């Protein structure tokens, strides 16, 4: 089992580095054609969670926590949170979610645990 997975919300909005200096290269949304197509955003979020939760059948690589780097676009964020809340019983039940918010003053991310 891996400890954590770091994922950005939207690709190409900002360069994202974890507080440990690692570049975030995985994203919930690679490209969003229509930010008001909520069903499509939710479908994309669902697919990403399925991908995260099914690293392998033995669940040896499933993360204990997902760190989501919030890069704007409220509709995308609410879609991810909606799917996480409504479908989390289908993922590993103890897979936790943390929202990472950028702090310009410290040039780092602050964690908001989603409970």
Protein backbone atom coordinates (compact mmCIF):
# COMPACT_ATOMS: atom_id res chain seq x y z
CA UNK A 1 0.00 0.00 0.00
CA UNK A 2 1.35 3.43 -0.84
CA UNK A 3 1.01 6.26 1.60
CA UNK A 4 -0.15 9.11 -0.64
CA UNK A 5 -1.07 10.21 -4.14
CA UNK A 6 -0.57 13.84 -5.18
CA UNK A 7 -2.95 15.04 -7.90
CA UNK A 8 -3.66 18.47 -9.35
CA UNK A 9 -7.18 19.56 -10.13
CA UNK A 10 -6.70 21.04 -13.62
CA UNK A 11 -3.68 20.63 -15.88
CA UNK A 12 -1.94 23.71 -17.25
CA UNK A 13 -3.50 26.22 -14.87
CA UNK A 14 -0.37 26.47 -12.69
CA UNK A 15 2.91 24.65 -12.24
CA UNK A 16 2.44 22.64 -9.07
CA UNK A 17 5.16 21.49 -6.73
CA UNK A 18 4.50 19.60 -3.52
CA UNK A 19 5.90 21.05 -0.31
CA UNK A 20 8.67 18.44 -0.67
CA UNK A 21 9.68 19.91 -4.04
CA UNK A 22 8.21 17.16 -6.24
CA UNK A 23 6.41 18.20 -9.41
CA UNK A 24 2.74 17.21 -9.61
CA UNK A 25 2.19 15.61 -13.01
CA UNK A 26 -1.13 13.80 -12.52
CA UNK A 27 -4.44 15.66 -12.79
CA UNK A 28 -8.14 15.04 -12.42
CA UNK A 29 -8.83 17.10 -15.53
CA UNK A 30 -6.40 17.23 -18.44
CA UNK A 31 -8.65 19.54 -20.45
CA UNK A 32 -12.12 20.95 -19.82
CA UNK A 33 -14.09 21.88 -22.89
CA UNK A 34 -17.23 23.15 -21.17
CA UNK A 35 -16.97 23.99 -17.45
CA UNK A 36 -20.78 24.11 -17.24
CA UNK A 37 -21.22 20.49 -18.34
CA UNK A 38 -21.40 19.26 -14.76
CA UNK A 39 -22.37 15.70 -15.62
CA UNK A 40 -19.29 15.38 -17.81
CA UNK A 41 -17.05 16.83 -15.07
CA UNK A 42 -18.54 14.37 -12.58
CA UNK A 43 -18.00 11.51 -15.01
CA UNK A 44 -14.36 12.51 -15.45
CA UNK A 45 -13.91 12.72 -11.67
CA UNK A 46 -15.51 9.28 -11.25
CA UNK A 47 -13.12 7.78 -13.81
CA UNK A 48 -10.13 9.32 -12.06
CA UNK A 49 -11.17 7.96 -8.67
CA UNK A 50 -11.65 4.53 -10.22
CA UNK A 51 -8.14 4.81 -11.67
CA UNK A 52 -6.73 5.84 -8.28
CA UNK A 53 -8.59 3.11 -6.43
CA UNK A 54 -7.66 0.28 -8.78
CA UNK A 55 -3.90 0.39 -9.00
CA UNK A 56 -3.90 -3.37 -8.81
CA UNK A 57 -6.30 -6.09 -7.74
CA UNK A 58 -4.44 -6.85 -4.54
CA UNK A 59 -4.81 -3.20 -3.48
CA UNK A 60 -1.13 -3.10 -2.60
CA UNK A 61 -0.68 0.26 -4.29
CA UNK A 62 -3.88 1.98 -3.28
CA UNK A 63 -3.13 5.28 -1.52
CA UNK A 64 -4.16 5.92 2.04
CA UNK A 65 -4.57 9.61 1.25
CA UNK A 66 -5.12 11.64 -1.90
CA UNK A 67 -3.70 15.16 -1.86
CA UNK A 68 -5.72 17.28 -4.28
CA UNK A 69 -3.98 20.51 -5.33
CA UNK A 70 -6.76 23.04 -5.83
CA UNK A 71 -5.90 25.19 -8.84
CA UNK A 72 -9.16 27.04 -9.33
CA UNK A 73 -12.24 26.35 -11.42
CA UNK A 74 -14.92 25.87 -8.81
CA UNK A 75 -17.05 23.64 -11.03
CA UNK A 76 -14.23 21.11 -11.33
CA UNK A 77 -13.59 21.11 -7.58
CA UNK A 78 -17.24 20.66 -6.65
CA UNK A 79 -17.52 17.80 -9.15
CA UNK A 80 -14.57 16.00 -7.55
CA UNK A 81 -15.94 16.52 -4.05
CA UNK A 82 -19.42 15.41 -5.04
CA UNK A 83 -18.11 12.16 -6.51
CA UNK A 84 -15.79 11.54 -3.57
CA UNK A 85 -18.65 11.96 -1.11
CA UNK A 86 -21.28 10.03 -3.04
CA UNK A 87 -19.13 7.14 -4.21
CA UNK A 88 -16.43 6.71 -1.62
CA UNK A 89 -17.91 3.42 -0.45
CA UNK A 90 -16.80 2.04 -3.82
CA UNK A 91 -13.23 3.17 -3.29
CA UNK A 92 -11.18 2.03 -0.37
CA UNK A 93 -13.32 3.12 2.55
CA UNK A 94 -10.42 4.55 4.49
CA UNK A 95 -8.88 6.47 1.55
CA UNK A 96 -8.73 10.04 2.86
CA UNK A 97 -8.84 13.27 0.88
CA UNK A 98 -6.89 16.46 1.60
CA UNK A 99 -7.33 19.69 -0.31
CA UNK A 100 -4.08 21.56 -0.84
CA UNK A 101 -4.47 25.35 -1.09
CA UNK A 102 -1.67 27.59 -2.34
CA UNK A 103 -0.38 30.23 0.09
CA UNK A 104 1.33 33.06 -1.79
CA UNK A 105 3.02 34.40 1.34
CA UNK A 106 4.83 31.17 2.13
CA UNK A 107 5.02 29.91 -1.48
CA UNK A 108 3.73 26.55 -0.29
CA UNK A 109 0.48 24.63 0.06
CA UNK A 110 -1.67 24.41 3.17
CA UNK A 111 -3.60 21.24 3.84
CA UNK A 112 -7.35 21.18 4.48
CA UNK A 113 -8.41 17.69 5.50
CA UNK A 114 -11.77 16.80 3.95
CA UNK A 115 -13.90 15.03 6.53
